[in-house]
Amino acid sequence: MIYEFVQTHQEAISALVTGLAVFCATIGLAWPYVSPDVLGRRMHGLTEAWRFNRLSGFAQPRDPPTRSLLTSEPKRIYAIIVRRLNLARHLKDGRTVQMLQMAGFRGRAPVFAFLAMQVLMPLVMLGVSAFYIFVVIQPEVHALLKSAMTLGIAGLGYYLPTLFVKNRIAKRQKSVIRAWPNALDLLMICVESGMSIEHAFRRVADEMSSHSKELAEELALTTAELSFLPDRRIAYENLGRRTNMEGVKSVVSGLMQSEQQGTPLGTVLRVLAQENRNMRMSLAEKKAAALSPKLTVPMILFFLPVLFAVIITPAVIQILAE
């Protein structure tokens, strides 16, 4: 019945959907002017004033408000799902917690939300796929095959939270690796100027907040761990584990060896900063060298046919005219 209704009023439905899309696009573009973000403007103004006062030296106000590294308590529905289904057993190996920490999610709330989403997303995908297959498209196949397709799509919903977290990890690592050499240079300058490693990390985290919020967050968390952990090596190891990047791990190893053997931190950081810059340059050269093979197929598919058409068309026109 629904399928027949859609076929009968196809033009009206298409016009309605098009009008709705245009309306939503218009509202989306005009929303900043209809409902301005007054609080956001005030916060931006306070932050700019704080930076101006700090650079000019006129005043030393309190630090601007920053996002807390702590997270809130998990939602009640997520907590009920995790406790009723005993999903906490999946946290014994620690891989899930480490993966969420690499993505920037810390505390109990992201863990409960991730475990609950692994249960809820298959159910959501099951309902959506069943409605789309059995009601909307209605393919001319056996009902058993339809059920198998529905269950297969529902099974993919289990991996959607993991894919989301891994995508978040990739974006976070990309932001960190871009700003890491500059952060090492600042850290080296702070250490060589006489600062302790805790104060150097705190200052670098403050300076890098405008370039890479992810790196600033990791350095701020490392600063807190250096302050209250009994052994600095644990804080360094946690930094390498959270980022899971070779450049950061090499710096962590250098800091740990300097802590153990008494090597000057300035010398170690200078060598590590140069190594990280050389590593980033080699990665850029590698991407540049791989550009030519990647452009071969697009040029064959899109550029050469147009070129042949431009060259051959005049000759064909002359031959047909004769």
C-alpha atoms as a PDB file:
ATOM      1  CA  MET A   1       0.000   0.000   0.000  1.00  0.00           C
ATOM      2  CA  ILE A   2       2.781   2.426   0.919  1.00  0.00           C
ATOM      3  CA  TYR A   3       4.712   1.509  -2.211  1.00  0.00           C
ATOM      4  CA  GLU A   4       1.664   2.154  -4.423  1.00  0.00           C
ATOM      5  CA  PHE A   5       1.063   5.496  -2.704  1.00  0.00           C
ATOM      6  CA  VAL A   6       4.673   6.509  -3.338  1.00  0.00           C
ATOM      7  CA  GLN A   7       4.452   5.508  -7.001  1.00  0.00           C
ATOM      8  CA  THR A   8       1.169   7.383  -7.488  1.00  0.00           C
ATOM      9  CA  HIS A   9       2.280  10.628  -5.844  1.00  0.00           C
ATOM     10  CA  GLN A  10       5.939  10.479  -6.856  1.00  0.00           C
ATOM     11  CA  GLU A  11       6.044  14.004  -8.309  1.00  0.00           C
ATOM     12  CA  ALA A  12       4.339  15.534  -5.268  1.00  0.00           C
ATOM     13  CA  ILE A  13       6.669  13.727  -2.885  1.00  0.00           C
ATOM     14  CA  SER A  14       9.717  14.821  -4.905  1.00  0.00           C
ATOM     15  CA  ALA A  15       8.550  18.427  -4.853  1.00  0.00           C
ATOM     16  CA  LEU A  16       7.890  18.219  -1.112  1.00  0.00           C
ATOM     17  CA  VAL A  17      11.314  16.744  -0.381  1.00  0.00           C
ATOM     18  CA  THR A  18      13.017  19.358  -2.586  1.00  0.00           C
ATOM     19  CA  GLY A  19      11.159  22.174  -0.880  1.00  0.00           C
ATOM     20  CA  LEU A  20      12.012  20.787   2.535  1.00  0.00           C
ATOM     21  CA  ALA A  21      15.690  20.526   1.588  1.00  0.00           C
ATOM     22  CA  VAL A  22      15.749  24.115   0.316  1.00  0.00           C
ATOM     23  CA  PHE A  23      13.994  25.295   3.482  1.00  0.00           C
ATOM     24  CA  CYS A  24      16.462  23.466   5.741  1.00  0.00           C
ATOM     25  CA  ALA A  25      19.430  24.818   3.762  1.00  0.00           C
ATOM     26  CA  THR A  26      18.055  28.368   4.011  1.00  0.00           C
ATOM     27  CA  ILE A  27      17.493  28.032   7.748  1.00  0.00           C
ATOM     28  CA  GLY A  28      20.984  26.577   8.199  1.00  0.00           C
ATOM     29  CA  LEU A  29      22.620  29.469   6.340  1.00  0.00           C
ATOM     30  CA  ALA A  30      20.535  32.153   8.036  1.00  0.00           C
ATOM     31  CA  TRP A  31      20.669  30.682  11.554  1.00  0.00           C
ATOM     32  CA  PRO A  32      23.822  32.573  12.696  1.00  0.00           C
ATOM     33  CA  TYR A  33      22.045  35.826  11.827  1.00  0.00           C
ATOM     34  CA  VAL A  34      18.638  34.814  13.227  1.00  0.00           C
ATOM     35  CA  SER A  35      20.024  33.480  16.520  1.00  0.00           C
ATOM     36  CA  PRO A  36      23.501  34.954  17.163  1.00  0.00           C
ATOM     37  CA  ASP A  37      25.816  33.255  19.636  1.00  0.00           C
ATOM     38  CA  VAL A  38      26.108  36.011  22.222  1.00  0.00           C
ATOM     39  CA  LEU A  39      27.834  33.809  24.792  1.00  0.00           C
ATOM     40  CA  GLY A  40      30.379  32.642  22.236  1.00  0.00           C
ATOM     41  CA  ARG A  41      31.201  36.231  21.301  1.00  0.00           C
ATOM     42  CA  ARG A  42      31.661  37.191  24.942  1.00  0.00           C
ATOM     43  CA  MET A  43      33.939  34.193  25.563  1.00  0.00           C
ATOM     44  CA  HIS A  44      35.956  35.055  22.450  1.00  0.00           C
ATOM     45  CA  GLY A  45      36.284  38.645  23.598  1.00  0.00           C
ATOM     46  CA  LEU A  46      37.455  37.573  27.056  1.00  0.00           C
ATOM     47  CA  THR A  47      40.029  35.222  25.556  1.00  0.00           C
ATOM     48  CA  GLU A  48      41.408  37.900  23.223  1.00  0.00           C
ATOM     49  CA  ALA A  49      41.587  40.373  26.111  1.00  0.00           C
ATOM     50  CA  TRP A  50      43.469  37.827  28.219  1.00  0.00           C
ATOM     51  CA  ARG A  51      45.988  37.230  25.434  1.00  0.00           C
ATOM     52  CA  PHE A  52      46.495  40.959  24.903  1.00  0.00           C
ATOM     53  CA  ASN A  53      47.057  41.578  28.613  1.00  0.00           C
ATOM     54  CA  ARG A  54      49.476  38.691  28.873  1.00  0.00           C
ATOM     55  CA  LEU A  55      51.533  39.827  25.873  1.00  0.00           C
ATOM     56  CA  SER A  56      51.518  43.502  26.819  1.00  0.00           C
ATOM     57  CA  GLY A  57      52.257  42.902  30.488  1.00  0.00           C
ATOM     58  CA  PHE A  58      49.610  45.352  31.714  1.00  0.00           C
ATOM     59  CA  ALA A  59      47.858  42.805  33.912  1.00  0.00           C
ATOM     60  CA  GLN A  60      48.002  39.198  34.945  1.00  0.00           C
ATOM     61  CA  PRO A  61      44.422  37.957  35.184  1.00  0.00           C
ATOM     62  CA  ARG A  62      43.401  34.438  35.732  1.00  0.00           C
ATOM     63  CA  ASP A  63      43.808  31.897  32.972  1.00  0.00           C
ATOM     64  CA  PRO A  64      40.985  31.791  30.425  1.00  0.00           C
ATOM     65  CA  PRO A  65      38.432  29.064  30.819  1.00  0.00           C
ATOM     66  CA  THR A  66      39.541  25.810  29.188  1.00  0.00           C
ATOM     67  CA  ARG A  67      37.812  22.529  28.635  1.00  0.00           C
ATOM     68  CA  SER A  68      38.283  20.249  31.574  1.00  0.00           C
ATOM     69  CA  LEU A  69      40.067  16.975  31.029  1.00  0.00           C
ATOM     70  CA  LEU A  70      37.622  15.252  33.356  1.00  0.00           C
ATOM     71  CA  THR A  71      34.377  13.875  32.046  1.00  0.00           C
ATOM     72  CA  SER A  72      30.927  13.757  33.574  1.00  0.00           C
ATOM     73  CA  GLU A  73      29.138  10.741  34.919  1.00  0.00           C
ATOM     74  CA  PRO A  74      27.703   8.289  32.384  1.00  0.00           C
ATOM     75  CA  LYS A  75      24.100   8.622  31.336  1.00  0.00           C
ATOM     76  CA  ARG A  76      21.646   6.508  33.250  1.00  0.00           C
ATOM     77  CA  ILE A  77      20.429   4.538  30.243  1.00  0.00           C
ATOM     78  CA  TYR A  78      23.987   3.638  29.251  1.00  0.00           C
ATOM     79  CA  ALA A  79      24.826   2.567  32.783  1.00  0.00           C
ATOM     80  CA  ILE A  80      21.710   0.373  32.965  1.00  0.00           C
ATOM     81  CA  ILE A  81      22.529  -1.337  29.659  1.00  0.00           C
ATOM     82  CA  VAL A  82      26.140  -2.012  30.663  1.00  0.00           C
ATOM     83  CA  ARG A  83      25.220  -3.367  34.093  1.00  0.00           C
ATOM     84  CA  ARG A  84      22.236  -5.465  32.997  1.00  0.00           C
ATOM     85  CA  LEU A  85      24.161  -7.116  30.154  1.00  0.00           C
ATOM     86  CA  ASN A  86      27.403  -7.351  32.144  1.00  0.00           C
ATOM     87  CA  LEU A  87      29.392  -5.625  29.410  1.00  0.00           C
ATOM     88  CA  ALA A  88      32.141  -4.593  31.822  1.00  0.00           C
ATOM     89  CA  ARG A  89      33.806  -7.945  31.248  1.00  0.00           C
ATOM     90  CA  HIS A  90      35.073  -6.614  27.908  1.00  0.00           C
ATOM     91  CA  LEU A  91      37.239  -4.101  29.787  1.00  0.00           C
ATOM     92  CA  LYS A  92      39.474  -6.677  31.478  1.00  0.00           C
ATOM     93  CA  ASP A  93      42.178  -6.573  28.803  1.00  0.00           C
ATOM     94  CA  GLY A  94      42.247  -2.750  28.804  1.00  0.00           C
ATOM     95  CA  ARG A  95      42.225  -2.419  25.009  1.00  0.00           C
ATOM     96  CA  THR A  96      38.890  -0.624  24.894  1.00  0.00           C
ATOM     97  CA  VAL A  97      39.926   1.933  27.512  1.00  0.00           C
ATOM     98  CA  GLN A  98      43.259   2.506  25.777  1.00  0.00           C
ATOM     99  CA  MET A  99      41.552   2.961  22.410  1.00  0.00           C
ATOM    100  CA  LEU A 100      39.172   5.534  23.887  1.00  0.00           C
ATOM    101  CA  GLN A 101      42.063   7.353  25.564  1.00  0.00           C
ATOM    102  CA  MET A 102      43.888   7.520  22.232  1.00  0.00           C
ATOM    103  CA  ALA A 103      40.750   9.123  20.764  1.00  0.00           C
ATOM    104  CA  GLY A 104      40.640  11.707  23.567  1.00  0.00           C
ATOM    105  CA  PHE A 105      37.793  10.129  25.574  1.00  0.00           C
ATOM    106  CA  ARG A 106      38.640   9.755  29.250  1.00  0.00           C
ATOM    107  CA  GLY A 107      36.708   8.770  32.310  1.00  0.00           C
ATOM    108  CA  ARG A 108      33.809   6.404  32.896  1.00  0.00           C
ATOM    109  CA  ALA A 109      31.208   8.121  30.735  1.00  0.00           C
ATOM    110  CA  PRO A 110      32.838   7.448  27.312  1.00  0.00           C
ATOM    111  CA  VAL A 111      33.455   3.807  28.231  1.00  0.00           C
ATOM    112  CA  PHE A 112      29.817   3.252  29.200  1.00  0.00           C
ATOM    113  CA  ALA A 113      28.626   5.097  26.086  1.00  0.00           C
ATOM    114  CA  PHE A 114      30.869   3.036  23.802  1.00  0.00           C
ATOM    115  CA  LEU A 115      29.775  -0.297  25.270  1.00  0.00           C
ATOM    116  CA  ALA A 116      26.107   0.722  25.166  1.00  0.00           C
ATOM    117  CA  MET A 117      26.381   1.881  21.548  1.00  0.00           C
ATOM    118  CA  GLN A 118      27.753  -1.507  20.549  1.00  0.00           C
ATOM    119  CA  VAL A 119      24.407  -2.905  21.726  1.00  0.00           C
ATOM    120  CA  LEU A 120      22.112  -0.126  20.511  1.00  0.00           C
ATOM    121  CA  MET A 121      23.532   0.429  17.031  1.00  0.00           C
ATOM    122  CA  PRO A 122      22.775  -3.128  15.776  1.00  0.00           C
ATOM    123  CA  LEU A 123      19.175  -2.708  16.962  1.00  0.00           C
ATOM    124  CA  VAL A 124      18.876   0.672  15.230  1.00  0.00           C
ATOM    125  CA  MET A 125      20.401  -0.687  12.021  1.00  0.00           C
ATOM    126  CA  LEU A 126      18.092  -3.700  12.228  1.00  0.00           C
ATOM    127  CA  GLY A 127      14.992  -1.496  12.378  1.00  0.00           C
ATOM    128  CA  VAL A 128      16.154   0.871   9.638  1.00  0.00           C
ATOM    129  CA  SER A 129      17.259  -1.912   7.276  1.00  0.00           C
ATOM    130  CA  ALA A 130      14.067  -3.919   7.861  1.00  0.00           C
ATOM    131  CA  PHE A 131      11.886  -0.908   7.072  1.00  0.00           C
ATOM    132  CA  TYR A 132      13.916  -0.025   3.976  1.00  0.00           C
ATOM    133  CA  ILE A 133      14.051  -3.575   2.583  1.00  0.00           C
ATOM    134  CA  PHE A 134      10.569  -4.852   3.442  1.00  0.00           C
ATOM    135  CA  VAL A 135       8.583  -1.600   3.024  1.00  0.00           C
ATOM    136  CA  VAL A 136      10.421   0.841   0.763  1.00  0.00           C
ATOM    137  CA  ILE A 137      12.241  -1.086  -1.980  1.00  0.00           C
ATOM    138  CA  GLN A 138      10.553  -4.515  -1.623  1.00  0.00           C
ATOM    139  CA  PRO A 139      12.964  -6.513  -3.840  1.00  0.00           C
ATOM    140  CA  GLU A 140      11.608  -9.510  -5.734  1.00  0.00           C
ATOM    141  CA  VAL A 141      13.554 -12.087  -3.713  1.00  0.00           C
ATOM    142  CA  HIS A 142      12.723 -14.717  -1.155  1.00  0.00           C
ATOM    143  CA  ALA A 143      11.813 -13.574   2.339  1.00  0.00           C
ATOM    144  CA  LEU A 144      14.688 -15.614   3.755  1.00  0.00           C
ATOM    145  CA  LEU A 145      17.170 -13.661   1.645  1.00  0.00           C
ATOM    146  CA  LYS A 146      15.576 -10.399   2.793  1.00  0.00           C
ATOM    147  CA  SER A 147      15.976 -11.482   6.398  1.00  0.00           C
ATOM    148  CA  ALA A 148      19.602 -12.412   5.776  1.00  0.00           C
ATOM    149  CA  MET A 149      20.289  -8.978   4.260  1.00  0.00           C
ATOM    150  CA  THR A 150      18.622  -7.298   7.223  1.00  0.00           C
ATOM    151  CA  LEU A 151      20.661  -9.283   9.736  1.00  0.00           C
ATOM    152  CA  GLY A 152      23.874  -8.616   7.815  1.00  0.00           C
ATOM    153  CA  ILE A 153      23.289  -4.852   7.876  1.00  0.00           C
ATOM    154  CA  ALA A 154      22.405  -5.066  11.565  1.00  0.00           C
ATOM    155  CA  GLY A 155      25.682  -6.897  12.214  1.00  0.00           C
ATOM    156  CA  LEU A 156      27.579  -4.002  10.648  1.00  0.00           C
ATOM    157  CA  GLY A 157      26.074  -1.724  13.291  1.00  0.00           C
ATOM    158  CA  TYR A 158      28.204  -3.445  15.936  1.00  0.00           C
ATOM    159  CA  TYR A 159      31.377  -2.114  14.282  1.00  0.00           C
ATOM    160  CA  LEU A 160      30.150   1.451  13.739  1.00  0.00           C
ATOM    161  CA  PRO A 161      31.262   2.736  17.213  1.00  0.00           C
ATOM    162  CA  THR A 162      34.707   1.209  16.673  1.00  0.00           C
ATOM    163  CA  LEU A 163      35.003   2.820  13.241  1.00  0.00           C
ATOM    164  CA  PHE A 164      33.999   6.167  14.718  1.00  0.00           C
ATOM    165  CA  VAL A 165      36.622   5.910  17.466  1.00  0.00           C
ATOM    166  CA  LYS A 166      39.362   4.839  15.028  1.00  0.00           C
ATOM    167  CA  ASN A 167      38.514   7.745  12.752  1.00  0.00           C
ATOM    168  CA  ARG A 168      38.763  10.059  15.749  1.00  0.00           C
ATOM    169  CA  ILE A 169      42.169   8.539  16.605  1.00  0.00           C
ATOM    170  CA  ALA A 170      43.462   9.112  13.057  1.00  0.00           C
ATOM    171  CA  LYS A 171      42.392  12.763  13.078  1.00  0.00           C
ATOM    172  CA  ARG A 172      43.878  13.284  16.530  1.00  0.00           C
ATOM    173  CA  GLN A 173      47.219  11.737  15.565  1.00  0.00           C
ATOM    174  CA  LYS A 174      47.336  13.854  12.412  1.00  0.00           C
ATOM    175  CA  SER A 175      46.889  17.020  14.455  1.00  0.00           C
ATOM    176  CA  VAL A 176      49.523  15.941  16.986  1.00  0.00           C
ATOM    177  CA  ILE A 177      52.139  14.947  14.413  1.00  0.00           C
ATOM    178  CA  ARG A 178      51.855  18.313  12.665  1.00  0.00           C
ATOM    179  CA  ALA A 179      52.512  20.318  15.812  1.00  0.00           C
ATOM    180  CA  TRP A 180      54.917  17.945  17.557  1.00  0.00           C
ATOM    181  CA  PRO A 181      58.253  19.283  16.118  1.00  0.00           C
ATOM    182  CA  ASN A 182      57.323  22.857  17.059  1.00  0.00           C
ATOM    183  CA  ALA A 183      56.349  21.692  20.535  1.00  0.00           C
ATOM    184  CA  LEU A 184      59.735  19.977  20.907  1.00  0.00           C
ATOM    185  CA  ASP A 185      61.544  23.176  19.930  1.00  0.00           C
ATOM    186  CA  LEU A 186      59.558  25.141  22.519  1.00  0.00           C
ATOM    187  CA  LEU A 187      60.212  22.447  25.122  1.00  0.00           C
ATOM    188  CA  MET A 188      63.944  22.567  24.376  1.00  0.00           C
ATOM    189  CA  ILE A 189      64.008  26.365  24.698  1.00  0.00           C
ATOM    190  CA  CYS A 190      62.146  26.233  28.016  1.00  0.00           C
ATOM    191  CA  VAL A 191      64.461  23.568  29.444  1.00  0.00           C
ATOM    192  CA  GLU A 192      67.630  25.331  28.303  1.00  0.00           C
ATOM    193  CA  SER A 193      66.372  28.585  29.832  1.00  0.00           C
ATOM    194  CA  GLY A 194      66.360  26.938  33.269  1.00  0.00           C
ATOM    195  CA  MET A 195      62.795  25.699  33.667  1.00  0.00           C
ATOM    196  CA  SER A 196      62.033  22.353  35.200  1.00  0.00           C
ATOM    197  CA  ILE A 197      60.440  19.719  33.003  1.00  0.00           C
ATOM    198  CA  GLU A 198      57.055  20.173  34.721  1.00  0.00           C
ATOM    199  CA  HIS A 199      57.006  23.921  34.128  1.00  0.00           C
ATOM    200  CA  ALA A 200      58.299  23.411  30.583  1.00  0.00           C
ATOM    201  CA  PHE A 201      55.454  21.015  29.759  1.00  0.00           C
ATOM    202  CA  ARG A 202      52.928  23.435  31.261  1.00  0.00           C
ATOM    203  CA  ARG A 203      54.281  26.385  29.270  1.00  0.00           C
ATOM    204  CA  VAL A 204      54.405  24.420  26.007  1.00  0.00           C
ATOM    205  CA  ALA A 205      50.838  23.186  26.557  1.00  0.00           C
ATOM    206  CA  ASP A 206      49.723  26.793  27.026  1.00  0.00           C
ATOM    207  CA  GLU A 207      51.512  27.998  23.899  1.00  0.00           C
ATOM    208  CA  MET A 208      50.367  25.097  21.685  1.00  0.00           C
ATOM    209  CA  SER A 209      46.683  25.451  22.574  1.00  0.00           C
ATOM    210  CA  SER A 210      46.104  27.744  19.588  1.00  0.00           C
ATOM    211  CA  HIS A 211      47.882  25.397  17.132  1.00  0.00           C
ATOM    212  CA  SER A 212      46.797  21.939  18.240  1.00  0.00           C
ATOM    213  CA  LYS A 213      44.232  21.518  20.994  1.00  0.00           C
ATOM    214  CA  GLU A 214      44.834  17.762  21.006  1.00  0.00           C
ATOM    215  CA  LEU A 215      48.558  18.112  21.661  1.00  0.00           C
ATOM    216  CA  ALA A 216      47.947  20.819  24.266  1.00  0.00           C
ATOM    217  CA  GLU A 217      45.525  18.506  26.046  1.00  0.00           C
ATOM    218  CA  GLU A 218      48.024  15.636  26.088  1.00  0.00           C
ATOM    219  CA  LEU A 219      50.813  17.854  27.387  1.00  0.00           C
ATOM    220  CA  ALA A 220      48.559  19.336  30.061  1.00  0.00           C
ATOM    221  CA  LEU A 221      47.598  15.852  31.217  1.00  0.00           C
ATOM    222  CA  THR A 222      51.284  14.866  31.271  1.00  0.00           C
ATOM    223  CA  THR A 223      52.009  17.950  33.387  1.00  0.00           C
ATOM    224  CA  ALA A 224      49.377  16.880  35.909  1.00  0.00           C
ATOM    225  CA  GLU A 225      50.764  13.343  36.013  1.00  0.00           C
ATOM    226  CA  LEU A 226      54.316  14.627  36.513  1.00  0.00           C
ATOM    227  CA  SER A 227      53.055  16.582  39.511  1.00  0.00           C
ATOM    228  CA  PHE A 228      51.343  13.797  41.447  1.00  0.00           C
ATOM    229  CA  LEU A 229      52.770  10.479  40.204  1.00  0.00           C
ATOM    230  CA  PRO A 230      55.622   9.054  42.286  1.00  0.00           C
ATOM    231  CA  ASP A 231      57.736   8.219  39.215  1.00  0.00           C
ATOM    232  CA  ARG A 232      58.139  10.457  36.187  1.00  0.00           C
ATOM    233  CA  ARG A 233      58.686   7.488  33.923  1.00  0.00           C
ATOM    234  CA  ILE A 234      55.054   6.464  34.419  1.00  0.00           C
ATOM    235  CA  ALA A 235      53.898   9.866  33.129  1.00  0.00           C
ATOM    236  CA  TYR A 236      56.204   9.594  30.107  1.00  0.00           C
ATOM    237  CA  GLU A 237      54.988   6.075  29.360  1.00  0.00           C
ATOM    238  CA  ASN A 238      51.368   7.199  29.615  1.00  0.00           C
ATOM    239  CA  LEU A 239      52.052   9.981  27.104  1.00  0.00           C
ATOM    240  CA  GLY A 240      53.503   7.515  24.610  1.00  0.00           C
ATOM    241  CA  ARG A 241      50.655   5.063  25.191  1.00  0.00           C
ATOM    242  CA  ARG A 242      47.940   7.691  24.702  1.00  0.00           C
ATOM    243  CA  THR A 243      49.400   9.080  21.481  1.00  0.00           C
ATOM    244  CA  ASN A 244      50.736   5.782  20.055  1.00  0.00           C
ATOM    245  CA  MET A 245      53.062   7.616  17.661  1.00  0.00           C
ATOM    246  CA  GLU A 246      56.658   6.733  16.861  1.00  0.00           C
ATOM    247  CA  GLY A 247      57.893  10.320  17.151  1.00  0.00           C
ATOM    248  CA  VAL A 248      56.356  10.780  20.586  1.00  0.00           C
ATOM    249  CA  LYS A 249      57.566   7.363  21.742  1.00  0.00           C
ATOM    250  CA  SER A 250      61.137   8.194  20.741  1.00  0.00           C
ATOM    251  CA  VAL A 251      60.973  11.424  22.744  1.00  0.00           C
ATOM    252  CA  VAL A 252      59.492   9.535  25.686  1.00  0.00           C
ATOM    253  CA  SER A 253      62.348   7.018  25.540  1.00  0.00           C
ATOM    254  CA  GLY A 254      64.884   9.867  25.420  1.00  0.00           C
ATOM    255  CA  LEU A 255      63.326  11.581  28.422  1.00  0.00           C
ATOM    256  CA  MET A 256      63.302   8.335  30.386  1.00  0.00           C
ATOM    257  CA  GLN A 257      66.967   7.652  29.577  1.00  0.00           C
ATOM    258  CA  SER A 258      67.883  11.211  30.525  1.00  0.00           C
ATOM    259  CA  GLU A 259      66.017  10.757  33.810  1.00  0.00           C
ATOM    260  CA  GLN A 260      67.833   7.494  34.492  1.00  0.00           C
ATOM    261  CA  GLN A 261      71.349   8.320  33.318  1.00  0.00           C
ATOM    262  CA  GLY A 262      71.499  12.024  34.115  1.00  0.00           C
ATOM    263  CA  THR A 263      71.997  13.244  30.538  1.00  0.00           C
ATOM    264  CA  PRO A 264      71.272  16.988  30.066  1.00  0.00           C
ATOM    265  CA  LEU A 265      67.691  17.419  28.911  1.00  0.00           C
ATOM    266  CA  GLY A 266      68.557  20.276  26.581  1.00  0.00           C
ATOM    267  CA  THR A 267      70.974  18.157  24.565  1.00  0.00           C
ATOM    268  CA  VAL A 268      68.541  15.248  24.381  1.00  0.00           C
ATOM    269  CA  LEU A 269      65.649  17.443  23.284  1.00  0.00           C
ATOM    270  CA  ARG A 270      67.779  19.183  20.655  1.00  0.00           C
ATOM    271  CA  VAL A 271      68.720  15.862  19.049  1.00  0.00           C
ATOM    272  CA  LEU A 272      65.155  14.525  19.260  1.00  0.00           C
ATOM    273  CA  ALA A 273      63.706  17.721  17.764  1.00  0.00           C
ATOM    274  CA  GLN A 274      66.051  17.458  14.796  1.00  0.00           C
ATOM    275  CA  GLU A 275      65.183  13.779  14.322  1.00  0.00           C
ATOM    276  CA  ASN A 276      61.460  14.530  14.364  1.00  0.00           C
ATOM    277  CA  ARG A 277      61.866  17.314  11.815  1.00  0.00           C
ATOM    278  CA  ASN A 278      63.861  15.000   9.557  1.00  0.00           C
ATOM    279  CA  MET A 279      61.171  12.358   9.978  1.00  0.00           C
ATOM    280  CA  ARG A 280      58.424  14.787   9.017  1.00  0.00           C
ATOM    281  CA  MET A 281      60.436  15.935   5.982  1.00  0.00           C
ATOM    282  CA  SER A 282      60.965  12.325   4.865  1.00  0.00           C
ATOM    283  CA  LEU A 283      57.217  11.678   5.148  1.00  0.00           C
ATOM    284  CA  ALA A 284      56.515  14.759   3.034  1.00  0.00           C
ATOM    285  CA  GLU A 285      59.041  13.622   0.406  1.00  0.00           C
ATOM    286  CA  LYS A 286      57.482  10.176   0.399  1.00  0.00           C
ATOM    287  CA  LYS A 287      54.021  11.616  -0.244  1.00  0.00           C
ATOM    288  CA  ALA A 288      55.407  13.859  -2.981  1.00  0.00           C
ATOM    289  CA  ALA A 289      57.125  10.895  -4.675  1.00  0.00           C
ATOM    290  CA  ALA A 290      53.875   8.910  -4.615  1.00  0.00           C
ATOM    291  CA  LEU A 291      51.942  11.725  -6.263  1.00  0.00           C
ATOM    292  CA  SER A 292      52.958  10.891  -9.859  1.00  0.00           C
ATOM    293  CA  PRO A 293      51.706   7.268  -9.822  1.00  0.00           C
ATOM    294  CA  LYS A 294      48.453   8.392  -8.192  1.00  0.00           C
ATOM    295  CA  LEU A 295      47.848  10.970 -10.933  1.00  0.00           C
ATOM    296  CA  THR A 296      48.345   8.470 -13.758  1.00  0.00           C
ATOM    297  CA  VAL A 297      44.886   6.894 -13.630  1.00  0.00           C
ATOM    298  CA  PRO A 298      42.957  10.211 -13.292  1.00  0.00           C
ATOM    299  CA  MET A 299      44.883  11.644 -16.231  1.00  0.00           C
ATOM    300  CA  ILE A 300      44.134   8.596 -18.401  1.00  0.00           C
ATOM    301  CA  LEU A 301      40.443   8.616 -17.492  1.00  0.00           C
ATOM    302  CA  PHE A 302      39.683  12.347 -17.537  1.00  0.00           C
ATOM    303  CA  PHE A 303      42.449  14.335 -19.219  1.00  0.00           C
ATOM    304  CA  LEU A 304      43.477  12.271 -22.251  1.00  0.00           C
ATOM    305  CA  PRO A 305      39.930  11.708 -23.660  1.00  0.00           C
ATOM    306  CA  VAL A 306      39.261  15.447 -23.592  1.00  0.00           C
ATOM    307  CA  LEU A 307      42.644  16.136 -25.204  1.00  0.00           C
ATOM    308  CA  PHE A 308      41.979  13.611 -27.972  1.00  0.00           C
ATOM    309  CA  ALA A 309      38.528  15.106 -28.528  1.00  0.00           C
ATOM    310  CA  VAL A 310      39.977  18.611 -28.869  1.00  0.00           C
ATOM    311  CA  ILE A 311      42.669  17.436 -31.312  1.00  0.00           C
ATOM    312  CA  ILE A 312      40.591  15.050 -33.454  1.00  0.00           C
ATOM    313  CA  THR A 313      37.280  16.971 -33.621  1.00  0.00           C
ATOM    314  CA  PRO A 314      38.490  19.662 -36.104  1.00  0.00           C
ATOM    315  CA  ALA A 315      39.876  16.996 -38.451  1.00  0.00           C
ATOM    316  CA  VAL A 316      36.647  15.021 -38.283  1.00  0.00           C
ATOM    317  CA  ILE A 317      34.609  18.147 -39.030  1.00  0.00           C
ATOM    318  CA  GLN A 318      36.782  18.918 -42.083  1.00  0.00           C
ATOM    319  CA  ILE A 319      36.488  15.354 -43.382  1.00  0.00           C
ATOM    320  CA  LEU A 320      32.682  15.384 -43.004  1.00  0.00           C
ATOM    321  CA  ALA A 321      32.469  18.803 -44.685  1.00  0.00           C
ATOM    322  CA  GLU A 322      34.313  17.516 -47.776  1.00  0.00           C
END
